[in-house]
Amino acid sequence: MIRLVPIVALLVVSLCASATSASAECAWVLWQHSVMGKSTSVTTEPVDAYETKQAWGNAILAELTKAEASRSATTLVTVDRASNSVVTMVKTKSGKVEPLISYSLFCLPDSVDPRGPKAR
């Protein structure tokens, strides 16, 4: 039993050291601000996480390209690559154009939550 104590202590120290080094690495979270339809309420939600700026930059470009490809006779999509934003409108059967969703994409370090602090 006495021999186990040093082994357990060494294991605990090594686990703590590896947890500290892992948390020191910065991950990036892709966020989306969105407004549904005619609402004025903005929701902000995390979409995905990436290890590098290059990876999240590629993800945003892919999402904007996907949004552009979703255009159709009844779906009007405007993509602003400078602000990483998308506005989607739909044509109703009566020919009226109405907002469906507007959203913008942005990345922040995983230590930053744009929704603010959580209530306690």
PDB file of N, CA and C in Angstrom:
ATOM      1  N   MET A   1       0.817  -1.184   0.000  1.00  0.00           N
ATOM      2  CA  MET A   1       0.000   0.000   0.000  1.00  0.00           C
ATOM      3  C   MET A   1       0.862   1.249   0.000  1.00  0.00           C
ATOM      4  N   ILE A   2       1.982   1.216   0.745  1.00  0.00           N
ATOM      5  CA  ILE A   2       2.868   2.378   0.829  1.00  0.00           C
ATOM      6  C   ILE A   2       3.463   2.667  -0.537  1.00  0.00           C
ATOM      7  N   ARG A   3       3.736   1.687  -1.344  1.00  0.00           N
ATOM      8  CA  ARG A   3       4.301   1.893  -2.675  1.00  0.00           C
ATOM      9  C   ARG A   3       3.296   2.555  -3.624  1.00  0.00           C
ATOM     10  N   LEU A   4       2.016   2.381  -3.392  1.00  0.00           N
ATOM     11  CA  LEU A   4       0.992   2.968  -4.240  1.00  0.00           C
ATOM     12  C   LEU A   4       0.905   4.490  -4.092  1.00  0.00           C
ATOM     13  N   VAL A   5       1.182   5.010  -2.918  1.00  0.00           N
ATOM     14  CA  VAL A   5       1.058   6.452  -2.661  1.00  0.00           C
ATOM     15  C   VAL A   5       1.939   7.270  -3.607  1.00  0.00           C
ATOM     16  N   PRO A   6       3.236   6.967  -3.776  1.00  0.00           N
ATOM     17  CA  PRO A   6       4.044   7.742  -4.714  1.00  0.00           C
ATOM     18  C   PRO A   6       3.549   7.615  -6.162  1.00  0.00           C
ATOM     19  N   ILE A   7       3.069   6.460  -6.533  1.00  0.00           N
ATOM     20  CA  ILE A   7       2.587   6.262  -7.897  1.00  0.00           C
ATOM     21  C   ILE A   7       1.324   7.091  -8.134  1.00  0.00           C
ATOM     22  N   VAL A   8       0.398   7.065  -7.189  1.00  0.00           N
ATOM     23  CA  VAL A   8      -0.829   7.844  -7.314  1.00  0.00           C
ATOM     24  C   VAL A   8      -0.498   9.332  -7.326  1.00  0.00           C
ATOM     25  N   ALA A   9       0.408   9.764  -6.471  1.00  0.00           N
ATOM     26  CA  ALA A   9       0.806  11.178  -6.432  1.00  0.00           C
ATOM     27  C   ALA A   9       1.419  11.599  -7.767  1.00  0.00           C
ATOM     28  N   LEU A  10       2.272  10.767  -8.330  1.00  0.00           N
ATOM     29  CA  LEU A  10       2.883  11.069  -9.622  1.00  0.00           C
ATOM     30  C   LEU A  10       1.812  11.142 -10.719  1.00  0.00           C
ATOM     31  N   LEU A  11       0.854  10.242 -10.684  1.00  0.00           N
ATOM     32  CA  LEU A  11      -0.223  10.235 -11.659  1.00  0.00           C
ATOM     33  C   LEU A  11      -1.060  11.514 -11.565  1.00  0.00           C
ATOM     34  N   VAL A  12      -1.391  11.935 -10.357  1.00  0.00           N
ATOM     35  CA  VAL A  12      -2.182  13.156 -10.157  1.00  0.00           C
ATOM     36  C   VAL A  12      -1.419  14.378 -10.665  1.00  0.00           C
ATOM     37  N   VAL A  13      -0.130  14.466 -10.357  1.00  0.00           N
ATOM     38  CA  VAL A  13       0.678  15.598 -10.813  1.00  0.00           C
ATOM     39  C   VAL A  13       0.753  15.628 -12.336  1.00  0.00           C
ATOM     40  N   SER A  14       0.943  14.483 -12.967  1.00  0.00           N
ATOM     41  CA  SER A  14       1.047  14.467 -14.425  1.00  0.00           C
ATOM     42  C   SER A  14      -0.290  14.801 -15.089  1.00  0.00           C
ATOM     43  N   LEU A  15      -1.389  14.357 -14.503  1.00  0.00           N
ATOM     44  CA  LEU A  15      -2.703  14.710 -15.050  1.00  0.00           C
ATOM     45  C   LEU A  15      -2.965  16.208 -14.928  1.00  0.00           C
ATOM     46  N   CYS A  16      -2.611  16.796 -13.814  1.00  0.00           N
ATOM     47  CA  CYS A  16      -2.794  18.244 -13.633  1.00  0.00           C
ATOM     48  C   CYS A  16      -1.941  19.031 -14.620  1.00  0.00           C
ATOM     49  N   ALA A  17      -0.726  18.575 -14.844  1.00  0.00           N
ATOM     50  CA  ALA A  17       0.163  19.268 -15.787  1.00  0.00           C
ATOM     51  C   ALA A  17      -0.387  19.192 -17.206  1.00  0.00           C
ATOM     52  N   SER A  18      -0.917  18.038 -17.599  1.00  0.00           N
ATOM     53  CA  SER A  18      -1.454  17.921 -18.959  1.00  0.00           C
ATOM     54  C   SER A  18      -2.731  18.727 -19.113  1.00  0.00           C
ATOM     55  N   ALA A  19      -3.550  18.827 -18.093  1.00  0.00           N
ATOM     56  CA  ALA A  19      -4.773  19.637 -18.166  1.00  0.00           C
ATOM     57  C   ALA A  19      -4.429  21.110 -18.291  1.00  0.00           C
ATOM     58  N   THR A  20      -3.403  21.558 -17.593  1.00  0.00           N
ATOM     59  CA  THR A  20      -2.988  22.954 -17.669  1.00  0.00           C
ATOM     60  C   THR A  20      -2.478  23.294 -19.061  1.00  0.00           C
ATOM     61  N   SER A  21      -1.665  22.420 -19.649  1.00  0.00           N
ATOM     62  CA  SER A  21      -1.132  22.717 -20.973  1.00  0.00           C
ATOM     63  C   SER A  21      -2.234  22.679 -22.029  1.00  0.00           C
ATOM     64  N   ALA A  22      -3.230  21.823 -21.866  1.00  0.00           N
ATOM     65  CA  ALA A  22      -4.325  21.769 -22.831  1.00  0.00           C
ATOM     66  C   ALA A  22      -5.174  23.024 -22.756  1.00  0.00           C
ATOM     67  N   SER A  23      -5.409  23.534 -21.566  1.00  0.00           N
ATOM     68  CA  SER A  23      -6.245  24.729 -21.449  1.00  0.00           C
ATOM     69  C   SER A  23      -5.508  25.976 -21.905  1.00  0.00           C
ATOM     70  N   ALA A  24      -4.188  25.929 -21.988  1.00  0.00           N
ATOM     71  CA  ALA A  24      -3.422  27.091 -22.441  1.00  0.00           C
ATOM     72  C   ALA A  24      -3.543  27.277 -23.952  1.00  0.00           C
ATOM     73  N   GLU A  25      -3.881  26.203 -24.670  1.00  0.00           N
ATOM     74  CA  GLU A  25      -4.076  26.315 -26.106  1.00  0.00           C
ATOM     75  C   GLU A  25      -5.388  27.039 -26.364  1.00  0.00           C
ATOM     76  N   CYS A  26      -5.416  27.867 -27.408  1.00  0.00           N
ATOM     77  CA  CYS A  26      -6.607  28.652 -27.684  1.00  0.00           C
ATOM     78  C   CYS A  26      -7.409  28.034 -28.813  1.00  0.00           C
ATOM     79  N   ALA A  27      -8.628  27.707 -28.524  1.00  0.00           N
ATOM     80  CA  ALA A  27      -9.541  27.255 -29.567  1.00  0.00           C
ATOM     81  C   ALA A  27     -10.376  28.453 -29.996  1.00  0.00           C
ATOM     82  N   TRP A  28     -10.971  28.368 -31.164  1.00  0.00           N
ATOM     83  CA  TRP A  28     -11.792  29.448 -31.710  1.00  0.00           C
ATOM     84  C   TRP A  28     -13.212  28.947 -31.880  1.00  0.00           C
ATOM     85  N   VAL A  29     -14.167  29.755 -31.458  1.00  0.00           N
ATOM     86  CA  VAL A  29     -15.572  29.384 -31.566  1.00  0.00           C
ATOM     87  C   VAL A  29     -16.217  30.237 -32.646  1.00  0.00           C
ATOM     88  N   LEU A  30     -16.903  29.579 -33.580  1.00  0.00           N
ATOM     89  CA  LEU A  30     -17.658  30.256 -34.625  1.00  0.00           C
ATOM     90  C   LEU A  30     -19.046  30.551 -34.061  1.00  0.00           C
ATOM     91  N   TRP A  31     -19.424  31.831 -34.062  1.00  0.00           N
ATOM     92  CA  TRP A  31     -20.704  32.292 -33.524  1.00  0.00           C
ATOM     93  C   TRP A  31     -21.589  32.795 -34.649  1.00  0.00           C
ATOM     94  N   GLN A  32     -22.890  32.756 -34.401  1.00  0.00           N
ATOM     95  CA  GLN A  32     -23.852  33.279 -35.358  1.00  0.00           C
ATOM     96  C   GLN A  32     -24.843  34.194 -34.635  1.00  0.00           C
ATOM     97  N   HIS A  33     -24.916  35.461 -35.106  1.00  0.00           N
ATOM     98  CA  HIS A  33     -25.982  36.378 -34.688  1.00  0.00           C
ATOM     99  C   HIS A  33     -27.084  36.186 -35.707  1.00  0.00           C
ATOM    100  N   SER A  34     -28.323  35.936 -35.292  1.00  0.00           N
ATOM    101  CA  SER A  34     -29.392  35.764 -36.275  1.00  0.00           C
ATOM    102  C   SER A  34     -30.686  36.437 -35.838  1.00  0.00           C
ATOM    103  N   VAL A  35     -31.446  36.835 -36.854  1.00  0.00           N
ATOM    104  CA  VAL A  35     -32.776  37.416 -36.674  1.00  0.00           C
ATOM    105  C   VAL A  35     -33.711  36.630 -37.581  1.00  0.00           C
ATOM    106  N   MET A  36     -34.767  36.083 -37.006  1.00  0.00           N
ATOM    107  CA  MET A  36     -35.721  35.290 -37.775  1.00  0.00           C
ATOM    108  C   MET A  36     -36.878  36.161 -38.247  1.00  0.00           C
ATOM    109  N   GLY A  37     -37.197  36.050 -39.529  1.00  0.00           N
ATOM    110  CA  GLY A  37     -38.358  36.732 -40.084  1.00  0.00           C
ATOM    111  C   GLY A  37     -38.385  38.218 -39.803  1.00  0.00           C
ATOM    112  N   LYS A  38     -39.538  38.698 -39.349  1.00  0.00           N
ATOM    113  CA  LYS A  38     -39.724  40.121 -39.069  1.00  0.00           C
ATOM    114  C   LYS A  38     -39.381  40.475 -37.622  1.00  0.00           C
ATOM    115  N   SER A  39     -38.880  39.528 -36.888  1.00  0.00           N
ATOM    116  CA  SER A  39     -38.536  39.748 -35.484  1.00  0.00           C
ATOM    117  C   SER A  39     -37.425  40.789 -35.348  1.00  0.00           C
ATOM    118  N   THR A  40     -37.400  41.454 -34.221  1.00  0.00           N
ATOM    119  CA  THR A  40     -36.297  42.360 -33.917  1.00  0.00           C
ATOM    120  C   THR A  40     -35.378  41.737 -32.865  1.00  0.00           C
ATOM    121  N   SER A  41     -35.701  40.518 -32.459  1.00  0.00           N
ATOM    122  CA  SER A  41     -34.921  39.809 -31.449  1.00  0.00           C
ATOM    123  C   SER A  41     -33.718  39.127 -32.086  1.00  0.00           C
ATOM    124  N   VAL A  42     -32.541  39.438 -31.580  1.00  0.00           N
ATOM    125  CA  VAL A  42     -31.307  38.840 -32.085  1.00  0.00           C
ATOM    126  C   VAL A  42     -30.897  37.696 -31.163  1.00  0.00           C
ATOM    127  N   THR A  43     -30.608  36.552 -31.756  1.00  0.00           N
ATOM    128  CA  THR A  43     -30.071  35.446 -30.974  1.00  0.00           C
ATOM    129  C   THR A  43     -28.612  35.242 -31.357  1.00  0.00           C
ATOM    130  N   THR A  44     -27.823  34.882 -30.390  1.00  0.00           N
ATOM    131  CA  THR A  44     -26.405  34.617 -30.612  1.00  0.00           C
ATOM    132  C   THR A  44     -26.116  33.219 -30.095  1.00  0.00           C
ATOM    133  N   GLU A  45     -25.649  32.370 -30.994  1.00  0.00           N
ATOM    134  CA  GLU A  45     -25.393  30.975 -30.646  1.00  0.00           C
ATOM    135  C   GLU A  45     -24.063  30.506 -31.209  1.00  0.00           C
ATOM    136  N   PRO A  46     -23.374  29.614 -30.482  1.00  0.00           N
ATOM    137  CA  PRO A  46     -22.163  29.013 -31.047  1.00  0.00           C
ATOM    138  C   PRO A  46     -22.545  28.007 -32.129  1.00  0.00           C
ATOM    139  N   VAL A  47     -21.747  27.958 -33.182  1.00  0.00           N
ATOM    140  CA  VAL A  47     -22.012  27.054 -34.300  1.00  0.00           C
ATOM    141  C   VAL A  47     -21.043  25.877 -34.273  1.00  0.00           C
ATOM    142  N   ASP A  48     -19.757  26.185 -34.076  1.00  0.00           N
ATOM    143  CA  ASP A  48     -18.735  25.137 -34.112  1.00  0.00           C
ATOM    144  C   ASP A  48     -17.465  25.692 -33.466  1.00  0.00           C
ATOM    145  N   ALA A  49     -16.471  24.852 -33.297  1.00  0.00           N
ATOM    146  CA  ALA A  49     -15.190  25.279 -32.727  1.00  0.00           C
ATOM    147  C   ALA A  49     -14.052  24.781 -33.620  1.00  0.00           C
ATOM    148  N   TYR A  50     -12.973  25.562 -33.643  1.00  0.00           N
ATOM    149  CA  TYR A  50     -11.825  25.256 -34.500  1.00  0.00           C
ATOM    150  C   TYR A  50     -10.540  25.496 -33.727  1.00  0.00           C
ATOM    151  N   GLU A  51      -9.493  24.803 -34.133  1.00  0.00           N
ATOM    152  CA  GLU A  51      -8.208  24.936 -33.453  1.00  0.00           C
ATOM    153  C   GLU A  51      -7.396  26.117 -33.958  1.00  0.00           C
ATOM    154  N   THR A  52      -7.630  26.549 -35.199  1.00  0.00           N
ATOM    155  CA  THR A  52      -6.819  27.633 -35.765  1.00  0.00           C
ATOM    156  C   THR A  52      -7.690  28.688 -36.432  1.00  0.00           C
ATOM    157  N   LYS A  53      -7.116  29.888 -36.599  1.00  0.00           N
ATOM    158  CA  LYS A  53      -7.814  30.956 -37.312  1.00  0.00           C
ATOM    159  C   LYS A  53      -8.059  30.553 -38.762  1.00  0.00           C
ATOM    160  N   GLN A  54      -7.094  29.872 -39.354  1.00  0.00           N
ATOM    161  CA  GLN A  54      -7.233  29.426 -40.745  1.00  0.00           C
ATOM    162  C   GLN A  54      -8.437  28.501 -40.890  1.00  0.00           C
ATOM    163  N   ALA A  55      -8.616  27.598 -39.941  1.00  0.00           N
ATOM    164  CA  ALA A  55      -9.732  26.644 -40.009  1.00  0.00           C
ATOM    165  C   ALA A  55     -11.074  27.360 -39.909  1.00  0.00           C
ATOM    166  N   TRP A  56     -11.205  28.321 -38.979  1.00  0.00           N
ATOM    167  CA  TRP A  56     -12.498  28.999 -38.891  1.00  0.00           C
ATOM    168  C   TRP A  56     -12.719  29.936 -40.064  1.00  0.00           C
ATOM    169  N   GLY A  57     -11.651  30.506 -40.608  1.00  0.00           N
ATOM    170  CA  GLY A  57     -11.789  31.337 -41.801  1.00  0.00           C
ATOM    171  C   GLY A  57     -12.314  30.522 -42.971  1.00  0.00           C
ATOM    172  N   ASN A  58     -11.786  29.317 -43.120  1.00  0.00           N
ATOM    173  CA  ASN A  58     -12.259  28.415 -44.167  1.00  0.00           C
ATOM    174  C   ASN A  58     -13.718  28.017 -43.938  1.00  0.00           C
ATOM    175  N   ALA A  59     -14.097  27.815 -42.681  1.00  0.00           N
ATOM    176  CA  ALA A  59     -15.475  27.433 -42.356  1.00  0.00           C
ATOM    177  C   ALA A  59     -16.451  28.553 -42.703  1.00  0.00           C
ATOM    178  N   ILE A  60     -16.073  29.799 -42.423  1.00  0.00           N
ATOM    179  CA  ILE A  60     -16.943  30.927 -42.761  1.00  0.00           C
ATOM    180  C   ILE A  60     -17.098  31.036 -44.273  1.00  0.00           C
ATOM    181  N   LEU A  61     -15.994  30.930 -45.009  1.00  0.00           N
ATOM    182  CA  LEU A  61     -16.080  30.987 -46.471  1.00  0.00           C
ATOM    183  C   LEU A  61     -16.972  29.877 -47.022  1.00  0.00           C
ATOM    184  N   ALA A  62     -16.860  28.687 -46.471  1.00  0.00           N
ATOM    185  CA  ALA A  62     -17.686  27.563 -46.925  1.00  0.00           C
ATOM    186  C   ALA A  62     -19.158  27.826 -46.631  1.00  0.00           C
ATOM    187  N   GLU A  63     -19.459  28.381 -45.465  1.00  0.00           N
ATOM    188  CA  GLU A  63     -20.851  28.673 -45.106  1.00  0.00           C
ATOM    189  C   GLU A  63     -21.438  29.743 -46.016  1.00  0.00           C
ATOM    190  N   LEU A  64     -20.666  30.789 -46.332  1.00  0.00           N
ATOM    191  CA  LEU A  64     -21.149  31.839 -47.225  1.00  0.00           C
ATOM    192  C   LEU A  64     -21.377  31.302 -48.640  1.00  0.00           C
ATOM    193  N   THR A  65     -20.492  30.429 -49.100  1.00  0.00           N
ATOM    194  CA  THR A  65     -20.643  29.812 -50.413  1.00  0.00           C
ATOM    195  C   THR A  65     -21.889  28.926 -50.445  1.00  0.00           C
ATOM    196  N   LYS A  66     -22.119  28.192 -49.370  1.00  0.00           N
ATOM    197  CA  LYS A  66     -23.312  27.342 -49.255  1.00  0.00           C
ATOM    198  C   LYS A  66     -24.580  28.194 -49.281  1.00  0.00           C
ATOM    199  N   ALA A  67     -24.560  29.330 -48.596  1.00  0.00           N
ATOM    200  CA  ALA A  67     -25.727  30.226 -48.592  1.00  0.00           C
ATOM    201  C   ALA A  67     -26.006  30.758 -49.995  1.00  0.00           C
ATOM    202  N   GLU A  68     -24.943  31.147 -50.710  1.00  0.00           N
ATOM    203  CA  GLU A  68     -25.110  31.636 -52.087  1.00  0.00           C
ATOM    204  C   GLU A  68     -25.732  30.556 -52.979  1.00  0.00           C
ATOM    205  N   ALA A  69     -25.341  29.328 -52.773  1.00  0.00           N
ATOM    206  CA  ALA A  69     -25.832  28.221 -53.592  1.00  0.00           C
ATOM    207  C   ALA A  69     -27.293  27.876 -53.296  1.00  0.00           C
ATOM    208  N   SER A  70     -27.825  28.387 -52.183  1.00  0.00           N
ATOM    209  CA  SER A  70     -29.209  28.063 -51.818  1.00  0.00           C
ATOM    210  C   SER A  70     -30.231  28.960 -52.513  1.00  0.00           C
ATOM    211  N   ARG A  71     -29.754  29.883 -53.348  1.00  0.00           N
ATOM    212  CA  ARG A  71     -30.678  30.749 -54.089  1.00  0.00           C
ATOM    213  C   ARG A  71     -31.573  29.913 -54.991  1.00  0.00           C
ATOM    214  N   SER A  72     -32.817  30.359 -55.118  1.00  0.00           N
ATOM    215  CA  SER A  72     -33.748  29.685 -56.024  1.00  0.00           C
ATOM    216  C   SER A  72     -34.774  30.705 -56.511  1.00  0.00           C
ATOM    217  N   ALA A  73     -35.765  30.234 -57.238  1.00  0.00           N
ATOM    218  CA  ALA A  73     -36.802  31.133 -57.742  1.00  0.00           C
ATOM    219  C   ALA A  73     -37.621  31.742 -56.607  1.00  0.00           C
ATOM    220  N   THR A  74     -37.719  31.032 -55.499  1.00  0.00           N
ATOM    221  CA  THR A  74     -38.513  31.543 -54.372  1.00  0.00           C
ATOM    222  C   THR A  74     -37.670  31.969 -53.179  1.00  0.00           C
ATOM    223  N   THR A  75     -36.375  31.747 -53.238  1.00  0.00           N
ATOM    224  CA  THR A  75     -35.485  32.114 -52.142  1.00  0.00           C
ATOM    225  C   THR A  75     -34.439  33.095 -52.650  1.00  0.00           C
ATOM    226  N   LEU A  76     -34.481  34.291 -52.116  1.00  0.00           N
ATOM    227  CA  LEU A  76     -33.526  35.329 -52.500  1.00  0.00           C
ATOM    228  C   LEU A  76     -32.481  35.432 -51.402  1.00  0.00           C
ATOM    229  N   VAL A  77     -31.223  35.299 -51.780  1.00  0.00           N
ATOM    230  CA  VAL A  77     -30.133  35.299 -50.796  1.00  0.00           C
ATOM    231  C   VAL A  77     -29.125  36.379 -51.159  1.00  0.00           C
ATOM    232  N   THR A  78     -28.818  37.226 -50.192  1.00  0.00           N
ATOM    233  CA  THR A  78     -27.781  38.236 -50.365  1.00  0.00           C
ATOM    234  C   THR A  78     -26.650  37.914 -49.393  1.00  0.00           C
ATOM    235  N   VAL A  79     -25.462  37.764 -49.935  1.00  0.00           N
ATOM    236  CA  VAL A  79     -24.291  37.448 -49.114  1.00  0.00           C
ATOM    237  C   VAL A  79     -23.332  38.621 -49.173  1.00  0.00           C
ATOM    238  N   ASP A  80     -22.917  39.092 -48.002  1.00  0.00           N
ATOM    239  CA  ASP A  80     -21.920  40.153 -47.904  1.00  0.00           C
ATOM    240  C   ASP A  80     -20.666  39.532 -47.299  1.00  0.00           C
ATOM    241  N   ARG A  81     -19.697  39.236 -48.146  1.00  0.00           N
ATOM    242  CA  ARG A  81     -18.476  38.573 -47.679  1.00  0.00           C
ATOM    243  C   ARG A  81     -17.610  39.494 -46.817  1.00  0.00           C
ATOM    244  N   ALA A  82     -17.730  40.794 -47.009  1.00  0.00           N
ATOM    245  CA  ALA A  82     -16.937  41.726 -46.199  1.00  0.00           C
ATOM    246  C   ALA A  82     -17.363  41.688 -44.731  1.00  0.00           C
ATOM    247  N   SER A  83     -18.663  41.496 -44.493  1.00  0.00           N
ATOM    248  CA  SER A  83     -19.139  41.462 -43.106  1.00  0.00           C
ATOM    249  C   SER A  83     -19.566  40.058 -42.675  1.00  0.00           C
ATOM    250  N   ASN A  84     -19.308  39.058 -43.531  1.00  0.00           N
ATOM    251  CA  ASN A  84     -19.675  37.665 -43.240  1.00  0.00           C
ATOM    252  C   ASN A  84     -21.150  37.539 -42.874  1.00  0.00           C
ATOM    253  N   SER A  85     -22.013  38.210 -43.644  1.00  0.00           N
ATOM    254  CA  SER A  85     -23.432  38.189 -43.321  1.00  0.00           C
ATOM    255  C   SER A  85     -24.273  37.692 -44.492  1.00  0.00           C
ATOM    256  N   VAL A  86     -25.440  37.172 -44.139  1.00  0.00           N
ATOM    257  CA  VAL A  86     -26.368  36.615 -45.116  1.00  0.00           C
ATOM    258  C   VAL A  86     -27.770  37.107 -44.787  1.00  0.00           C
ATOM    259  N   VAL A  87     -28.497  37.528 -45.820  1.00  0.00           N
ATOM    260  CA  VAL A  87     -29.902  37.886 -45.676  1.00  0.00           C
ATOM    261  C   VAL A  87     -30.676  37.000 -46.643  1.00  0.00           C
ATOM    262  N   THR A  88     -31.663  36.274 -46.116  1.00  0.00           N
ATOM    263  CA  THR A  88     -32.473  35.394 -46.941  1.00  0.00           C
ATOM    264  C   THR A  88     -33.925  35.863 -46.895  1.00  0.00           C
ATOM    265  N   MET A  89     -34.493  36.057 -48.087  1.00  0.00           N
ATOM    266  CA  MET A  89     -35.888  36.469 -48.231  1.00  0.00           C
ATOM    267  C   MET A  89     -36.600  35.377 -49.028  1.00  0.00           C
ATOM    268  N   VAL A  90     -37.897  35.243 -48.822  1.00  0.00           N
ATOM    269  CA  VAL A  90     -38.672  34.271 -49.583  1.00  0.00           C
ATOM    270  C   VAL A  90     -39.821  34.971 -50.302  1.00  0.00           C
ATOM    271  N   LYS A  91     -40.132  34.446 -51.477  1.00  0.00           N
ATOM    272  CA  LYS A  91     -41.295  34.928 -52.227  1.00  0.00           C
ATOM    273  C   LYS A  91     -42.485  34.056 -51.853  1.00  0.00           C
ATOM    274  N   THR A  92     -43.554  34.699 -51.430  1.00  0.00           N
ATOM    275  CA  THR A  92     -44.764  33.947 -51.108  1.00  0.00           C
ATOM    276  C   THR A  92     -45.506  33.615 -52.397  1.00  0.00           C
ATOM    277  N   LYS A  93     -46.547  32.816 -52.294  1.00  0.00           N
ATOM    278  CA  LYS A  93     -47.341  32.454 -53.474  1.00  0.00           C
ATOM    279  C   LYS A  93     -47.982  33.681 -54.111  1.00  0.00           C
ATOM    280  N   SER A  94     -48.253  34.698 -53.286  1.00  0.00           N
ATOM    281  CA  SER A  94     -48.859  35.929 -53.813  1.00  0.00           C
ATOM    282  C   SER A  94     -47.817  36.849 -54.454  1.00  0.00           C
ATOM    283  N   GLY A  95     -46.542  36.460 -54.374  1.00  0.00           N
ATOM    284  CA  GLY A  95     -45.476  37.252 -54.972  1.00  0.00           C
ATOM    285  C   GLY A  95     -44.830  38.243 -54.025  1.00  0.00           C
ATOM    286  N   LYS A  96     -45.321  38.309 -52.794  1.00  0.00           N
ATOM    287  CA  LYS A  96     -44.746  39.206 -51.791  1.00  0.00           C
ATOM    288  C   LYS A  96     -43.411  38.637 -51.306  1.00  0.00           C
ATOM    289  N   VAL A  97     -42.440  39.522 -51.110  1.00  0.00           N
ATOM    290  CA  VAL A  97     -41.133  39.099 -50.612  1.00  0.00           C
ATOM    291  C   VAL A  97     -41.062  39.402 -49.118  1.00  0.00           C
ATOM    292  N   GLU A  98     -40.766  38.369 -48.325  1.00  0.00           N
ATOM    293  CA  GLU A  98     -40.722  38.516 -46.868  1.00  0.00           C
ATOM    294  C   GLU A  98     -39.393  37.993 -46.325  1.00  0.00           C
ATOM    295  N   PRO A  99     -38.926  38.595 -45.225  1.00  0.00           N
ATOM    296  CA  PRO A  99     -37.669  38.123 -44.626  1.00  0.00           C
ATOM    297  C   PRO A  99     -37.830  36.737 -44.013  1.00  0.00           C
ATOM    298  N   LEU A 100     -36.833  35.898 -44.210  1.00  0.00           N
ATOM    299  CA  LEU A 100     -36.819  34.569 -43.604  1.00  0.00           C
ATOM    300  C   LEU A 100     -35.820  34.549 -42.451  1.00  0.00           C
ATOM    301  N   ILE A 101     -34.569  34.888 -42.755  1.00  0.00           N
ATOM    302  CA  ILE A 101     -33.522  34.941 -41.722  1.00  0.00           C
ATOM    303  C   ILE A 101     -32.399  35.859 -42.191  1.00  0.00           C
ATOM    304  N   SER A 102     -31.821  36.554 -41.244  1.00  0.00           N
ATOM    305  CA  SER A 102     -30.602  37.333 -41.463  1.00  0.00           C
ATOM    306  C   SER A 102     -29.607  36.865 -40.418  1.00  0.00           C
ATOM    307  N   TYR A 103     -28.374  36.654 -40.834  1.00  0.00           N
ATOM    308  CA  TYR A 103     -27.376  36.253 -39.841  1.00  0.00           C
ATOM    309  C   TYR A 103     -25.990  36.703 -40.246  1.00  0.00           C
ATOM    310  N   SER A 104     -25.147  36.819 -39.238  1.00  0.00           N
ATOM    311  CA  SER A 104     -23.733  37.111 -39.463  1.00  0.00           C
ATOM    312  C   SER A 104     -22.908  36.108 -38.678  1.00  0.00           C
ATOM    313  N   LEU A 105     -21.749  35.803 -39.208  1.00  0.00           N
ATOM    314  CA  LEU A 105     -20.847  34.826 -38.603  1.00  0.00           C
ATOM    315  C   LEU A 105     -19.578  35.518 -38.144  1.00  0.00           C
ATOM    316  N   PHE A 106     -19.078  35.113 -36.988  1.00  0.00           N
ATOM    317  CA  PHE A 106     -17.825  35.668 -36.486  1.00  0.00           C
ATOM    318  C   PHE A 106     -17.197  34.677 -35.521  1.00  0.00           C
ATOM    319  N   CYS A 107     -15.893  34.801 -35.339  1.00  0.00           N
ATOM    320  CA  CYS A 107     -15.173  33.906 -34.436  1.00  0.00           C
ATOM    321  C   CYS A 107     -14.538  34.680 -33.296  1.00  0.00           C
ATOM    322  N   LEU A 108     -14.514  34.041 -32.157  1.00  0.00           N
ATOM    323  CA  LEU A 108     -13.879  34.593 -30.965  1.00  0.00           C
ATOM    324  C   LEU A 108     -13.106  33.478 -30.273  1.00  0.00           C
ATOM    325  N   PRO A 109     -12.109  33.852 -29.468  1.00  0.00           N
ATOM    326  CA  PRO A 109     -11.424  32.823 -28.675  1.00  0.00           C
ATOM    327  C   PRO A 109     -12.446  32.117 -27.779  1.00  0.00           C
ATOM    328  N   ASP A 110     -12.178  30.860 -27.468  1.00  0.00           N
ATOM    329  CA  ASP A 110     -13.128  30.093 -26.664  1.00  0.00           C
ATOM    330  C   ASP A 110     -13.324  30.646 -25.259  1.00  0.00           C
ATOM    331  N   SER A 111     -12.479  31.554 -24.850  1.00  0.00           N
ATOM    332  CA  SER A 111     -12.615  32.154 -23.524  1.00  0.00           C
ATOM    333  C   SER A 111     -13.582  33.341 -23.522  1.00  0.00           C
ATOM    334  N   VAL A 112     -14.087  33.742 -24.703  1.00  0.00           N
ATOM    335  CA  VAL A 112     -14.975  34.899 -24.814  1.00  0.00           C
ATOM    336  C   VAL A 112     -16.364  34.435 -25.229  1.00  0.00           C
ATOM    337  N   ASP A 113     -17.373  34.847 -24.467  1.00  0.00           N
ATOM    338  CA  ASP A 113     -18.757  34.548 -24.805  1.00  0.00           C
ATOM    339  C   ASP A 113     -19.461  35.876 -25.091  1.00  0.00           C
ATOM    340  N   PRO A 114     -19.849  36.145 -26.352  1.00  0.00           N
ATOM    341  CA  PRO A 114     -20.446  37.431 -26.685  1.00  0.00           C
ATOM    342  C   PRO A 114     -21.828  37.647 -26.062  1.00  0.00           C
ATOM    343  N   ARG A 115     -22.402  36.594 -25.472  1.00  0.00           N
ATOM    344  CA  ARG A 115     -23.709  36.735 -24.825  1.00  0.00           C
ATOM    345  C   ARG A 115     -23.601  37.365 -23.446  1.00  0.00           C
ATOM    346  N   GLY A 116     -22.373  37.559 -22.979  1.00  0.00           N
ATOM    347  CA  GLY A 116     -22.167  38.160 -21.669  1.00  0.00           C
ATOM    348  C   GLY A 116     -22.073  37.121 -20.580  1.00  0.00           C
ATOM    349  N   PRO A 117     -21.891  37.596 -19.345  1.00  0.00           N
ATOM    350  CA  PRO A 117     -21.753  36.666 -18.232  1.00  0.00           C
ATOM    351  C   PRO A 117     -23.073  35.953 -17.930  1.00  0.00           C
ATOM    352  N   LYS A 118     -22.967  34.725 -17.456  1.00  0.00           N
ATOM    353  CA  LYS A 118     -24.144  33.959 -17.078  1.00  0.00           C
ATOM    354  C   LYS A 118     -24.662  34.434 -15.726  1.00  0.00           C
ATOM    355  N   ALA A 119     -25.980  34.431 -15.565  1.00  0.00           N
ATOM    356  CA  ALA A 119     -26.574  34.811 -14.285  1.00  0.00           C
ATOM    357  C   ALA A 119     -26.292  33.725 -13.259  1.00  0.00           C
ATOM    358  N   ARG A 120     -26.104  34.133 -12.032  1.00  0.00           N
ATOM    359  CA  ARG A 120     -25.813  33.155 -10.976  1.00  0.00           C
ATOM    360  C   ARG A 120     -27.005  32.951 -10.104  1.00  0.00           C
TER     361      ARG A 120
END
